[in-house]
Amino acid sequence: MKSFHLTAGLALLISGPGLAQDYPTRPVELTVAFTPGAVTDIFARALSQGMSEALGQRFVVVNKAGATGAIGSAAVARAAPDGYSLLFTPAVSITVLPLQNRETGYTHKSFDPICQTFKNEMVIVARKDSHFKSARDVIAAAKARPGAVTYGHLGVASIPHLAMTELSIYAKADFNAVPFKGDSEVIQNVLGGQIEFGAVVLSSAVGSGLEILGLFGDRRNPAIPDTPTLREQGFDVAPSSFGGIVGPKGLPADIKTKLARACETAALGETYSKLARSVGQPVDYHADAETFSRRLDRDVEEKSVLLKALGELK
């Protein structure tokens, strides 16, 4: 009997890598924790097409929306780490949400990062006839009228809100932050004069009819080459919303390597890169698994400080 168990164990050890090399032998489910048609969903569908071509097996996008991304994220965190259940997500769903709500059932360490495929940068916008012409003007006004200068963002602890919170702390300037349900509402209220300026995602600002006063970014974005970064204007603040593909913790190394290579091929391919450029993605929207992992760790550290300042850290 002992001899049988030993033989069976050796067989598993020998056959395991072989099975992984054949991966994938059936369709792979790519969960998007948001509704169909959302920006994350659009990116996921473009990427899944490229990965299907790279690995010769279908990558099927499945939408599991709810709880700001927590429902779909938790489902993948609980899935078997066999490479057939993956999550396409913005970092906020697996870094910020667990910091706000300890009952999500996961942390960012519940996942194995595979490939970063997008990086959404934030901007400050105002009406073209506004007396604000730069981020410096916004800060100067806030210092002159502490707590009275109003701006809009797409929700408490959203990336635009956290970006402005970081700027407020860095510049020692107090604003009156007004939450809305989305970037479109922020833009409407800026245009209507109900608020003095807004903090929104770059892709929402382009074509909005508003003046872009500054970019939260490491370098200027090709979509708005004439707009200076906050750093160029004297404020060392550059938070962004990034994301990509992760899998449940414990993915076999060779499967993870296969997925990472296919993800890179798809993300840098013509279809996906064209989409990325069309919505204002910076040149460094893609990153490998190791870089993606480091960024997730750093995101938790940085966002913990900002959430604590907002009283949102649980």
C-alpha atoms as a PDB file:
ATOM      1  CA  MET A   1       0.000   0.000   0.000  1.00  0.00           C
ATOM      2  CA  LYS A   2       2.828   2.402   0.877  1.00  0.00           C
ATOM      3  CA  SER A   3       4.462   1.609  -2.452  1.00  0.00           C
ATOM      4  CA  PHE A   4       1.225   2.501  -4.278  1.00  0.00           C
ATOM      5  CA  HIS A   5       0.938   5.898  -2.531  1.00  0.00           C
ATOM      6  CA  LEU A   6       4.593   6.675  -3.277  1.00  0.00           C
ATOM      7  CA  THR A   7       4.159   5.802  -6.946  1.00  0.00           C
ATOM      8  CA  ALA A   8       0.987   7.867  -7.213  1.00  0.00           C
ATOM      9  CA  GLY A   9       2.684  10.832  -5.560  1.00  0.00           C
ATOM     10  CA  LEU A  10       5.623  10.684  -7.948  1.00  0.00           C
ATOM     11  CA  ALA A  11       3.236  10.464 -10.885  1.00  0.00           C
ATOM     12  CA  LEU A  12       1.493  13.657  -9.769  1.00  0.00           C
ATOM     13  CA  LEU A  13       4.793  15.480  -9.394  1.00  0.00           C
ATOM     14  CA  ILE A  14       5.891  14.394 -12.856  1.00  0.00           C
ATOM     15  CA  SER A  15       2.577  15.049 -14.597  1.00  0.00           C
ATOM     16  CA  GLY A  16       1.851  18.399 -12.873  1.00  0.00           C
ATOM     17  CA  PRO A  17       4.207  20.533 -15.000  1.00  0.00           C
ATOM     18  CA  GLY A  18       3.075  18.723 -18.135  1.00  0.00           C
ATOM     19  CA  LEU A  19      -0.546  19.537 -17.412  1.00  0.00           C
ATOM     20  CA  ALA A  20       0.398  23.171 -16.793  1.00  0.00           C
ATOM     21  CA  GLN A  21       2.241  23.308 -20.113  1.00  0.00           C
ATOM     22  CA  ASP A  22      -0.990  22.274 -21.860  1.00  0.00           C
ATOM     23  CA  TYR A  23      -2.874  25.123 -20.195  1.00  0.00           C
ATOM     24  CA  PRO A  24      -5.429  26.302 -21.113  1.00  0.00           C
ATOM     25  CA  THR A  25      -7.448  23.288 -22.233  1.00  0.00           C
ATOM     26  CA  ARG A  26     -10.836  24.962 -21.752  1.00  0.00           C
ATOM     27  CA  PRO A  27     -12.262  28.513 -21.705  1.00  0.00           C
ATOM     28  CA  VAL A  28     -10.895  30.925 -19.088  1.00  0.00           C
ATOM     29  CA  GLU A  29     -13.340  33.097 -17.157  1.00  0.00           C
ATOM     30  CA  LEU A  30     -12.268  36.732 -16.823  1.00  0.00           C
ATOM     31  CA  THR A  31     -14.397  38.410 -14.164  1.00  0.00           C
ATOM     32  CA  VAL A  32     -15.122  42.129 -14.352  1.00  0.00           C
ATOM     33  CA  ALA A  33     -16.632  43.386 -11.109  1.00  0.00           C
ATOM     34  CA  PHE A  34     -18.524  46.192 -12.851  1.00  0.00           C
ATOM     35  CA  THR A  35     -21.430  46.544 -15.273  1.00  0.00           C
ATOM     36  CA  PRO A  36     -21.155  45.916 -19.027  1.00  0.00           C
ATOM     37  CA  GLY A  37     -20.150  49.045 -20.914  1.00  0.00           C
ATOM     38  CA  ALA A  38     -18.064  50.522 -18.086  1.00  0.00           C
ATOM     39  CA  VAL A  39     -14.519  51.541 -19.006  1.00  0.00           C
ATOM     40  CA  THR A  40     -13.091  48.546 -17.107  1.00  0.00           C
ATOM     41  CA  ASP A  41     -15.418  46.231 -19.025  1.00  0.00           C
ATOM     42  CA  ILE A  42     -14.412  47.719 -22.387  1.00  0.00           C
ATOM     43  CA  PHE A  43     -10.721  47.248 -21.597  1.00  0.00           C
ATOM     44  CA  ALA A  44     -11.326  43.677 -20.440  1.00  0.00           C
ATOM     45  CA  ARG A  45     -13.134  42.700 -23.629  1.00  0.00           C
ATOM     46  CA  ALA A  46     -10.386  44.132 -25.839  1.00  0.00           C
ATOM     47  CA  LEU A  47      -7.729  42.363 -23.790  1.00  0.00           C
ATOM     48  CA  SER A  48      -9.612  39.046 -23.716  1.00  0.00           C
ATOM     49  CA  GLN A  49      -9.667  39.024 -27.509  1.00  0.00           C
ATOM     50  CA  GLY A  50      -5.879  39.350 -27.668  1.00  0.00           C
ATOM     51  CA  MET A  51      -5.292  36.743 -24.983  1.00  0.00           C
ATOM     52  CA  SER A  52      -7.634  34.298 -26.723  1.00  0.00           C
ATOM     53  CA  GLU A  53      -5.556  34.660 -29.880  1.00  0.00           C
ATOM     54  CA  ALA A  54      -2.271  34.325 -27.971  1.00  0.00           C
ATOM     55  CA  LEU A  55      -3.218  31.151 -26.083  1.00  0.00           C
ATOM     56  CA  GLY A  56      -5.611  29.524 -28.538  1.00  0.00           C
ATOM     57  CA  GLN A  57      -8.458  29.278 -26.036  1.00  0.00           C
ATOM     58  CA  ARG A  58     -11.424  31.531 -25.312  1.00  0.00           C
ATOM     59  CA  PHE A  59     -11.190  34.130 -22.543  1.00  0.00           C
ATOM     60  CA  VAL A  60     -14.786  34.862 -21.582  1.00  0.00           C
ATOM     61  CA  VAL A  61     -15.643  38.133 -19.823  1.00  0.00           C
ATOM     62  CA  VAL A  62     -18.196  37.649 -17.033  1.00  0.00           C
ATOM     63  CA  ASN A  63     -19.667  40.702 -15.272  1.00  0.00           C
ATOM     64  CA  LYS A  64     -20.232  40.320 -11.512  1.00  0.00           C
ATOM     65  CA  ALA A  65     -21.076  43.855 -10.462  1.00  0.00           C
ATOM     66  CA  GLY A  66     -21.919  45.086  -6.978  1.00  0.00           C
ATOM     67  CA  ALA A  67     -20.486  46.670  -3.826  1.00  0.00           C
ATOM     68  CA  THR A  68     -18.065  48.860  -5.816  1.00  0.00           C
ATOM     69  CA  GLY A  69     -16.276  45.807  -7.143  1.00  0.00           C
ATOM     70  CA  ALA A  70     -16.161  43.759  -3.936  1.00  0.00           C
ATOM     71  CA  ILE A  71     -18.573  41.019  -5.063  1.00  0.00           C
ATOM     72  CA  GLY A  72     -16.684  40.016  -8.197  1.00  0.00           C
ATOM     73  CA  SER A  73     -13.304  40.421  -6.510  1.00  0.00           C
ATOM     74  CA  ALA A  74     -14.295  38.188  -3.594  1.00  0.00           C
ATOM     75  CA  ALA A  75     -15.580  35.507  -5.976  1.00  0.00           C
ATOM     76  CA  VAL A  76     -12.197  35.258  -7.711  1.00  0.00           C
ATOM     77  CA  ALA A  77     -10.287  35.391  -4.417  1.00  0.00           C
ATOM     78  CA  ARG A  78     -12.209  32.251  -3.359  1.00  0.00           C
ATOM     79  CA  ALA A  79     -11.766  30.442  -6.695  1.00  0.00           C
ATOM     80  CA  ALA A  80      -9.366  27.568  -7.295  1.00  0.00           C
ATOM     81  CA  PRO A  81      -5.890  28.864  -8.309  1.00  0.00           C
ATOM     82  CA  ASP A  82      -5.822  26.868 -11.536  1.00  0.00           C
ATOM     83  CA  GLY A  83      -5.735  29.707 -14.067  1.00  0.00           C
ATOM     84  CA  TYR A  84      -9.342  29.320 -15.176  1.00  0.00           C
ATOM     85  CA  SER A  85     -10.801  32.053 -12.955  1.00  0.00           C
ATOM     86  CA  LEU A  86      -9.154  35.480 -13.288  1.00  0.00           C
ATOM     87  CA  LEU A  87     -10.089  39.040 -12.321  1.00  0.00           C
ATOM     88  CA  PHE A  88      -9.713  42.155 -14.457  1.00  0.00           C
ATOM     89  CA  THR A  89      -9.849  45.045 -12.024  1.00  0.00           C
ATOM     90  CA  PRO A  90      -8.767  48.550 -11.081  1.00  0.00           C
ATOM     91  CA  ALA A  91      -6.433  48.474  -8.082  1.00  0.00           C
ATOM     92  CA  VAL A  92      -8.961  50.366  -5.930  1.00  0.00           C
ATOM     93  CA  SER A  93     -11.191  47.280  -5.721  1.00  0.00           C
ATOM     94  CA  ILE A  94      -8.495  45.153  -4.109  1.00  0.00           C
ATOM     95  CA  THR A  95      -6.423  47.792  -2.296  1.00  0.00           C
ATOM     96  CA  VAL A  96      -8.758  50.567  -1.099  1.00  0.00           C
ATOM     97  CA  LEU A  97     -12.007  48.635  -0.561  1.00  0.00           C
ATOM     98  CA  PRO A  98     -10.541  46.177   1.976  1.00  0.00           C
ATOM     99  CA  LEU A  99      -9.113  49.143   3.895  1.00  0.00           C
ATOM    100  CA  GLN A 100     -12.575  50.710   4.069  1.00  0.00           C
ATOM    101  CA  ASN A 101     -14.430  47.499   4.790  1.00  0.00           C
ATOM    102  CA  ARG A 102     -12.705  44.628   6.586  1.00  0.00           C
ATOM    103  CA  GLU A 103     -15.623  42.338   5.683  1.00  0.00           C
ATOM    104  CA  THR A 104     -14.827  42.140   1.956  1.00  0.00           C
ATOM    105  CA  GLY A 105     -13.250  38.760   2.668  1.00  0.00           C
ATOM    106  CA  TYR A 106      -9.995  39.533   0.878  1.00  0.00           C
ATOM    107  CA  THR A 107      -6.981  41.852   0.702  1.00  0.00           C
ATOM    108  CA  HIS A 108      -4.651  42.569  -2.198  1.00  0.00           C
ATOM    109  CA  LYS A 109      -2.508  39.699  -0.912  1.00  0.00           C
ATOM    110  CA  SER A 110      -5.368  37.310  -1.735  1.00  0.00           C
ATOM    111  CA  PHE A 111      -4.379  37.619  -5.405  1.00  0.00           C
ATOM    112  CA  ASP A 112      -1.435  36.877  -7.678  1.00  0.00           C
ATOM    113  CA  PRO A 113      -0.762  39.875  -9.972  1.00  0.00           C
ATOM    114  CA  ILE A 114      -0.325  38.833 -13.607  1.00  0.00           C
ATOM    115  CA  CYS A 115      -0.151  41.942 -15.765  1.00  0.00           C
ATOM    116  CA  GLN A 116      -0.977  45.654 -15.453  1.00  0.00           C
ATOM    117  CA  THR A 117      -2.850  46.877 -18.537  1.00  0.00           C
ATOM    118  CA  PHE A 118      -4.185  50.341 -17.758  1.00  0.00           C
ATOM    119  CA  LYS A 119      -3.382  53.511 -15.842  1.00  0.00           C
ATOM    120  CA  ASN A 120      -6.049  56.200 -15.567  1.00  0.00           C
ATOM    121  CA  GLU A 121      -4.692  59.629 -14.729  1.00  0.00           C
ATOM    122  CA  MET A 122      -6.677  62.346 -12.936  1.00  0.00           C
ATOM    123  CA  VAL A 123      -6.990  65.999 -13.911  1.00  0.00           C
ATOM    124  CA  ILE A 124      -8.281  69.251 -12.469  1.00  0.00           C
ATOM    125  CA  VAL A 125     -10.874  70.979 -14.668  1.00  0.00           C
ATOM    126  CA  ALA A 126     -12.638  74.354 -14.635  1.00  0.00           C
ATOM    127  CA  ARG A 127     -14.813  76.429 -16.953  1.00  0.00           C
ATOM    128  CA  LYS A 128     -12.950  78.181 -19.716  1.00  0.00           C
ATOM    129  CA  ASP A 129     -14.108  81.559 -18.357  1.00  0.00           C
ATOM    130  CA  SER A 130     -12.992  80.689 -14.816  1.00  0.00           C
ATOM    131  CA  HIS A 131     -10.441  82.817 -13.000  1.00  0.00           C
ATOM    132  CA  PHE A 132      -8.592  79.543 -12.346  1.00  0.00           C
ATOM    133  CA  LYS A 133      -5.982  79.048 -15.072  1.00  0.00           C
ATOM    134  CA  SER A 134      -3.687  76.582 -13.307  1.00  0.00           C
ATOM    135  CA  ALA A 135      -3.458  74.305 -10.295  1.00  0.00           C
ATOM    136  CA  ARG A 136      -1.484  77.055  -8.591  1.00  0.00           C
ATOM    137  CA  ASP A 137      -4.515  79.340  -8.878  1.00  0.00           C
ATOM    138  CA  VAL A 138      -6.711  76.689  -7.252  1.00  0.00           C
ATOM    139  CA  ILE A 139      -4.307  76.309  -4.318  1.00  0.00           C
ATOM    140  CA  ALA A 140      -3.930  80.077  -3.915  1.00  0.00           C
ATOM    141  CA  ALA A 141      -7.722  80.491  -3.749  1.00  0.00           C
ATOM    142  CA  ALA A 142      -8.053  77.711  -1.172  1.00  0.00           C
ATOM    143  CA  LYS A 143      -5.441  79.341   1.039  1.00  0.00           C
ATOM    144  CA  ALA A 144      -7.164  82.709   0.711  1.00  0.00           C
ATOM    145  CA  ARG A 145     -10.598  81.189   1.481  1.00  0.00           C
ATOM    146  CA  PRO A 146      -9.959  78.056   3.614  1.00  0.00           C
ATOM    147  CA  GLY A 147     -12.755  75.523   3.245  1.00  0.00           C
ATOM    148  CA  ALA A 148     -14.830  77.746   0.976  1.00  0.00           C
ATOM    149  CA  VAL A 149     -13.551  76.812  -2.502  1.00  0.00           C
ATOM    150  CA  THR A 150     -15.827  74.050  -3.809  1.00  0.00           C
ATOM    151  CA  TYR A 151     -14.846  71.215  -6.101  1.00  0.00           C
ATOM    152  CA  GLY A 152     -16.577  68.043  -7.252  1.00  0.00           C
ATOM    153  CA  HIS A 153     -15.426  64.421  -7.374  1.00  0.00           C
ATOM    154  CA  LEU A 154     -17.057  61.101  -8.238  1.00  0.00           C
ATOM    155  CA  GLY A 155     -17.433  59.817  -4.686  1.00  0.00           C
ATOM    156  CA  VAL A 156     -15.828  59.574  -1.263  1.00  0.00           C
ATOM    157  CA  ALA A 157     -12.507  57.700  -1.423  1.00  0.00           C
ATOM    158  CA  SER A 158     -12.625  57.569  -5.241  1.00  0.00           C
ATOM    159  CA  ILE A 159      -9.255  58.155  -6.885  1.00  0.00           C
ATOM    160  CA  PRO A 160     -10.079  61.781  -7.899  1.00  0.00           C
ATOM    161  CA  HIS A 161     -11.123  62.465  -4.295  1.00  0.00           C
ATOM    162  CA  LEU A 162      -7.972  60.838  -2.913  1.00  0.00           C
ATOM    163  CA  ALA A 163      -5.851  62.753  -5.430  1.00  0.00           C
ATOM    164  CA  MET A 164      -7.289  66.060  -4.222  1.00  0.00           C
ATOM    165  CA  THR A 165      -6.932  64.958  -0.602  1.00  0.00           C
ATOM    166  CA  GLU A 166      -3.248  64.272  -1.210  1.00  0.00           C
ATOM    167  CA  LEU A 167      -2.856  67.655  -2.908  1.00  0.00           C
ATOM    168  CA  SER A 168      -4.664  69.350  -0.031  1.00  0.00           C
ATOM    169  CA  ILE A 169      -2.317  67.763   2.521  1.00  0.00           C
ATOM    170  CA  TYR A 170       0.801  68.489   0.451  1.00  0.00           C
ATOM    171  CA  ALA A 171      -0.102  72.138  -0.229  1.00  0.00           C
ATOM    172  CA  LYS A 172      -1.690  72.736   3.209  1.00  0.00           C
ATOM    173  CA  ALA A 173      -4.854  74.016   1.577  1.00  0.00           C
ATOM    174  CA  ASP A 174      -8.449  73.231   2.601  1.00  0.00           C
ATOM    175  CA  PHE A 175     -11.256  72.711   0.080  1.00  0.00           C
ATOM    176  CA  ASN A 176     -14.986  72.066   0.256  1.00  0.00           C
ATOM    177  CA  ALA A 177     -15.253  68.672  -1.445  1.00  0.00           C
ATOM    178  CA  VAL A 178     -18.648  67.786  -2.975  1.00  0.00           C
ATOM    179  CA  PRO A 179     -19.303  64.135  -3.968  1.00  0.00           C
ATOM    180  CA  PHE A 180     -21.298  63.206  -7.078  1.00  0.00           C
ATOM    181  CA  LYS A 181     -22.362  59.905  -8.648  1.00  0.00           C
ATOM    182  CA  GLY A 182     -19.909  60.102 -11.534  1.00  0.00           C
ATOM    183  CA  ASP A 183     -17.571  62.216 -13.630  1.00  0.00           C
ATOM    184  CA  SER A 184     -20.430  63.303 -15.899  1.00  0.00           C
ATOM    185  CA  GLU A 185     -22.267  64.888 -12.958  1.00  0.00           C
ATOM    186  CA  VAL A 186     -19.091  66.632 -11.825  1.00  0.00           C
ATOM    187  CA  ILE A 187     -18.581  68.061 -15.308  1.00  0.00           C
ATOM    188  CA  GLN A 188     -22.213  69.203 -15.574  1.00  0.00           C
ATOM    189  CA  ASN A 189     -21.988  71.025 -12.249  1.00  0.00           C
ATOM    190  CA  VAL A 190     -18.700  72.699 -13.172  1.00  0.00           C
ATOM    191  CA  LEU A 191     -20.185  73.849 -16.484  1.00  0.00           C
ATOM    192  CA  GLY A 192     -23.301  75.062 -14.659  1.00  0.00           C
ATOM    193  CA  GLY A 193     -21.300  77.016 -12.115  1.00  0.00           C
ATOM    194  CA  GLN A 194     -22.618  75.117  -9.082  1.00  0.00           C
ATOM    195  CA  ILE A 195     -19.029  74.215  -8.116  1.00  0.00           C
ATOM    196  CA  GLU A 196     -15.811  76.058  -8.899  1.00  0.00           C
ATOM    197  CA  PHE A 197     -13.796  73.197 -10.351  1.00  0.00           C
ATOM    198  CA  GLY A 198     -13.680  69.425 -10.574  1.00  0.00           C
ATOM    199  CA  ALA A 199     -11.308  66.490 -10.221  1.00  0.00           C
ATOM    200  CA  VAL A 200     -12.067  63.812 -12.820  1.00  0.00           C
ATOM    201  CA  VAL A 201     -10.500  61.029 -14.863  1.00  0.00           C
ATOM    202  CA  LEU A 202      -8.639  62.358 -17.915  1.00  0.00           C
ATOM    203  CA  SER A 203     -10.761  60.383 -20.391  1.00  0.00           C
ATOM    204  CA  SER A 204     -13.884  62.103 -19.014  1.00  0.00           C
ATOM    205  CA  ALA A 205     -12.346  65.560 -19.317  1.00  0.00           C
ATOM    206  CA  VAL A 206     -11.287  65.319 -22.967  1.00  0.00           C
ATOM    207  CA  GLY A 207     -14.028  66.818 -25.129  1.00  0.00           C
ATOM    208  CA  SER A 208     -16.025  68.027 -22.096  1.00  0.00           C
ATOM    209  CA  GLY A 209     -15.720  71.710 -22.958  1.00  0.00           C
ATOM    210  CA  LEU A 210     -13.778  72.374 -19.757  1.00  0.00           C
ATOM    211  CA  GLU A 211     -10.256  73.717 -19.351  1.00  0.00           C
ATOM    212  CA  ILE A 212      -7.767  71.190 -17.977  1.00  0.00           C
ATOM    213  CA  LEU A 213      -5.641  72.993 -15.388  1.00  0.00           C
ATOM    214  CA  GLY A 214      -3.280  70.231 -14.356  1.00  0.00           C
ATOM    215  CA  LEU A 215      -2.520  66.524 -14.642  1.00  0.00           C
ATOM    216  CA  PHE A 216      -1.826  64.165 -11.753  1.00  0.00           C
ATOM    217  CA  GLY A 217       0.941  62.243 -13.505  1.00  0.00           C
ATOM    218  CA  ASP A 218       4.667  61.486 -13.593  1.00  0.00           C
ATOM    219  CA  ARG A 219       4.988  63.069 -17.022  1.00  0.00           C
ATOM    220  CA  ARG A 220       2.799  64.866 -19.532  1.00  0.00           C
ATOM    221  CA  ASN A 221       0.165  62.767 -21.258  1.00  0.00           C
ATOM    222  CA  PRO A 222       0.266  62.489 -25.083  1.00  0.00           C
ATOM    223  CA  ALA A 223      -3.494  63.164 -25.209  1.00  0.00           C
ATOM    224  CA  ILE A 224      -3.002  66.624 -23.639  1.00  0.00           C
ATOM    225  CA  PRO A 225       0.660  67.495 -24.333  1.00  0.00           C
ATOM    226  CA  ASP A 226       0.233  71.184 -23.492  1.00  0.00           C
ATOM    227  CA  THR A 227      -1.153  70.530 -19.995  1.00  0.00           C
ATOM    228  CA  PRO A 228       1.511  70.603 -17.264  1.00  0.00           C
ATOM    229  CA  THR A 229       1.595  68.039 -14.482  1.00  0.00           C
ATOM    230  CA  LEU A 230       1.004  68.994 -10.858  1.00  0.00           C
ATOM    231  CA  ARG A 231       4.705  68.349 -10.269  1.00  0.00           C
ATOM    232  CA  GLU A 232       5.632  70.869 -12.944  1.00  0.00           C
ATOM    233  CA  GLN A 233       3.466  73.367 -11.088  1.00  0.00           C
ATOM    234  CA  GLY A 234       5.279  72.773  -7.817  1.00  0.00           C
ATOM    235  CA  PHE A 235       3.194  70.033  -6.187  1.00  0.00           C
ATOM    236  CA  ASP A 236       4.821  66.605  -5.851  1.00  0.00           C
ATOM    237  CA  VAL A 237       1.553  64.688  -6.135  1.00  0.00           C
ATOM    238  CA  ALA A 238       0.844  62.088  -8.846  1.00  0.00           C
ATOM    239  CA  PRO A 239      -1.691  59.422  -7.786  1.00  0.00           C
ATOM    240  CA  SER A 240      -3.388  57.405 -10.510  1.00  0.00           C
ATOM    241  CA  SER A 241      -5.897  54.590 -10.933  1.00  0.00           C
ATOM    242  CA  PHE A 242      -4.176  51.554 -12.387  1.00  0.00           C
ATOM    243  CA  GLY A 243      -5.185  47.940 -12.824  1.00  0.00           C
ATOM    244  CA  GLY A 244      -5.086  44.772 -14.877  1.00  0.00           C
ATOM    245  CA  ILE A 245      -5.332  41.015 -14.456  1.00  0.00           C
ATOM    246  CA  VAL A 246      -4.890  39.114 -11.197  1.00  0.00           C
ATOM    247  CA  GLY A 247      -5.665  35.530 -10.237  1.00  0.00           C
ATOM    248  CA  PRO A 248      -6.378  33.768  -6.948  1.00  0.00           C
ATOM    249  CA  LYS A 249      -3.329  33.433  -4.701  1.00  0.00           C
ATOM    250  CA  GLY A 250      -1.350  30.283  -5.412  1.00  0.00           C
ATOM    251  CA  LEU A 251      -1.322  30.163  -9.217  1.00  0.00           C
ATOM    252  CA  PRO A 252       1.243  27.618 -10.491  1.00  0.00           C
ATOM    253  CA  ALA A 253       4.371  29.476 -11.623  1.00  0.00           C
ATOM    254  CA  ASP A 254       4.317  28.164 -15.187  1.00  0.00           C
ATOM    255  CA  ILE A 255       0.637  29.014 -15.672  1.00  0.00           C
ATOM    256  CA  LYS A 256       1.253  32.496 -14.297  1.00  0.00           C
ATOM    257  CA  THR A 257       4.179  32.905 -16.712  1.00  0.00           C
ATOM    258  CA  LYS A 258       2.035  31.816 -19.664  1.00  0.00           C
ATOM    259  CA  LEU A 259      -0.714  34.232 -18.697  1.00  0.00           C
ATOM    260  CA  ALA A 260       1.735  37.099 -18.193  1.00  0.00           C
ATOM    261  CA  ARG A 261       3.272  36.602 -21.635  1.00  0.00           C
ATOM    262  CA  ALA A 262      -0.136  36.413 -23.315  1.00  0.00           C
ATOM    263  CA  CYS A 263      -1.300  39.477 -21.403  1.00  0.00           C
ATOM    264  CA  GLU A 264       1.734  41.471 -22.515  1.00  0.00           C
ATOM    265  CA  THR A 265       1.212  40.426 -26.142  1.00  0.00           C
ATOM    266  CA  ALA A 266      -2.447  41.437 -25.980  1.00  0.00           C
ATOM    267  CA  ALA A 267      -1.903  44.703 -24.074  1.00  0.00           C
ATOM    268  CA  LEU A 268       0.780  45.910 -26.486  1.00  0.00           C
ATOM    269  CA  GLY A 269      -1.027  44.604 -29.573  1.00  0.00           C
ATOM    270  CA  GLU A 270      -2.614  46.883 -32.155  1.00  0.00           C
ATOM    271  CA  THR A 271      -6.248  46.507 -31.041  1.00  0.00           C
ATOM    272  CA  TYR A 272      -5.687  47.152 -27.346  1.00  0.00           C
ATOM    273  CA  SER A 273      -3.018  49.851 -27.741  1.00  0.00           C
ATOM    274  CA  LYS A 274      -5.251  51.750 -30.173  1.00  0.00           C
ATOM    275  CA  LEU A 275      -8.068  51.658 -27.608  1.00  0.00           C
ATOM    276  CA  ALA A 276      -5.660  52.771 -24.883  1.00  0.00           C
ATOM    277  CA  ARG A 277      -4.511  55.788 -26.877  1.00  0.00           C
ATOM    278  CA  SER A 278      -8.097  56.757 -27.725  1.00  0.00           C
ATOM    279  CA  VAL A 279      -9.012  57.148 -24.041  1.00  0.00           C
ATOM    280  CA  GLY A 280      -5.904  59.011 -22.937  1.00  0.00           C
ATOM    281  CA  GLN A 281      -3.785  56.213 -21.505  1.00  0.00           C
ATOM    282  CA  PRO A 282      -0.178  57.250 -20.730  1.00  0.00           C
ATOM    283  CA  VAL A 283       2.699  55.527 -22.482  1.00  0.00           C
ATOM    284  CA  ASP A 284       3.444  53.372 -19.406  1.00  0.00           C
ATOM    285  CA  TYR A 285      -0.026  51.845 -19.070  1.00  0.00           C
ATOM    286  CA  HIS A 286       1.442  48.318 -19.201  1.00  0.00           C
ATOM    287  CA  ALA A 287       3.662  46.729 -16.549  1.00  0.00           C
ATOM    288  CA  ASP A 288       4.843  43.195 -15.804  1.00  0.00           C
ATOM    289  CA  ALA A 289       3.725  41.094 -12.835  1.00  0.00           C
ATOM    290  CA  GLU A 290       6.592  42.113 -10.554  1.00  0.00           C
ATOM    291  CA  THR A 291       6.084  45.841 -11.164  1.00  0.00           C
ATOM    292  CA  PHE A 292       2.317  45.469 -10.849  1.00  0.00           C
ATOM    293  CA  SER A 293       2.780  43.702  -7.505  1.00  0.00           C
ATOM    294  CA  ARG A 294       5.059  46.442  -6.147  1.00  0.00           C
ATOM    295  CA  ARG A 295       2.573  49.104  -7.217  1.00  0.00           C
ATOM    296  CA  LEU A 296      -0.258  47.316  -5.411  1.00  0.00           C
ATOM    297  CA  ASP A 297       1.825  47.160  -2.218  1.00  0.00           C
ATOM    298  CA  ARG A 298       2.689  50.843  -2.514  1.00  0.00           C
ATOM    299  CA  ASP A 299      -0.929  51.733  -3.266  1.00  0.00           C
ATOM    300  CA  VAL A 300      -2.073  50.161   0.011  1.00  0.00           C
ATOM    301  CA  GLU A 301       0.569  52.103   1.949  1.00  0.00           C
ATOM    302  CA  GLU A 302      -0.240  55.434   0.316  1.00  0.00           C
ATOM    303  CA  LYS A 303      -4.020  55.062   0.364  1.00  0.00           C
ATOM    304  CA  SER A 304      -3.981  54.040   4.038  1.00  0.00           C
ATOM    305  CA  VAL A 305      -2.578  57.466   4.902  1.00  0.00           C
ATOM    306  CA  LEU A 306      -5.198  59.289   2.817  1.00  0.00           C
ATOM    307  CA  LEU A 307      -8.108  57.166   4.079  1.00  0.00           C
ATOM    308  CA  LYS A 308      -7.005  57.810   7.651  1.00  0.00           C
ATOM    309  CA  ALA A 309      -7.006  61.552   6.951  1.00  0.00           C
ATOM    310  CA  LEU A 310     -10.575  61.233   5.642  1.00  0.00           C
ATOM    311  CA  GLY A 311     -11.713  59.062   8.550  1.00  0.00           C
ATOM    312  CA  GLU A 312     -12.384  56.195   6.116  1.00  0.00           C
ATOM    313  CA  LEU A 313      -9.766  53.728   7.370  1.00  0.00           C
ATOM    314  CA  LYS A 314     -11.411  50.823   9.189  1.00  0.00           C
END
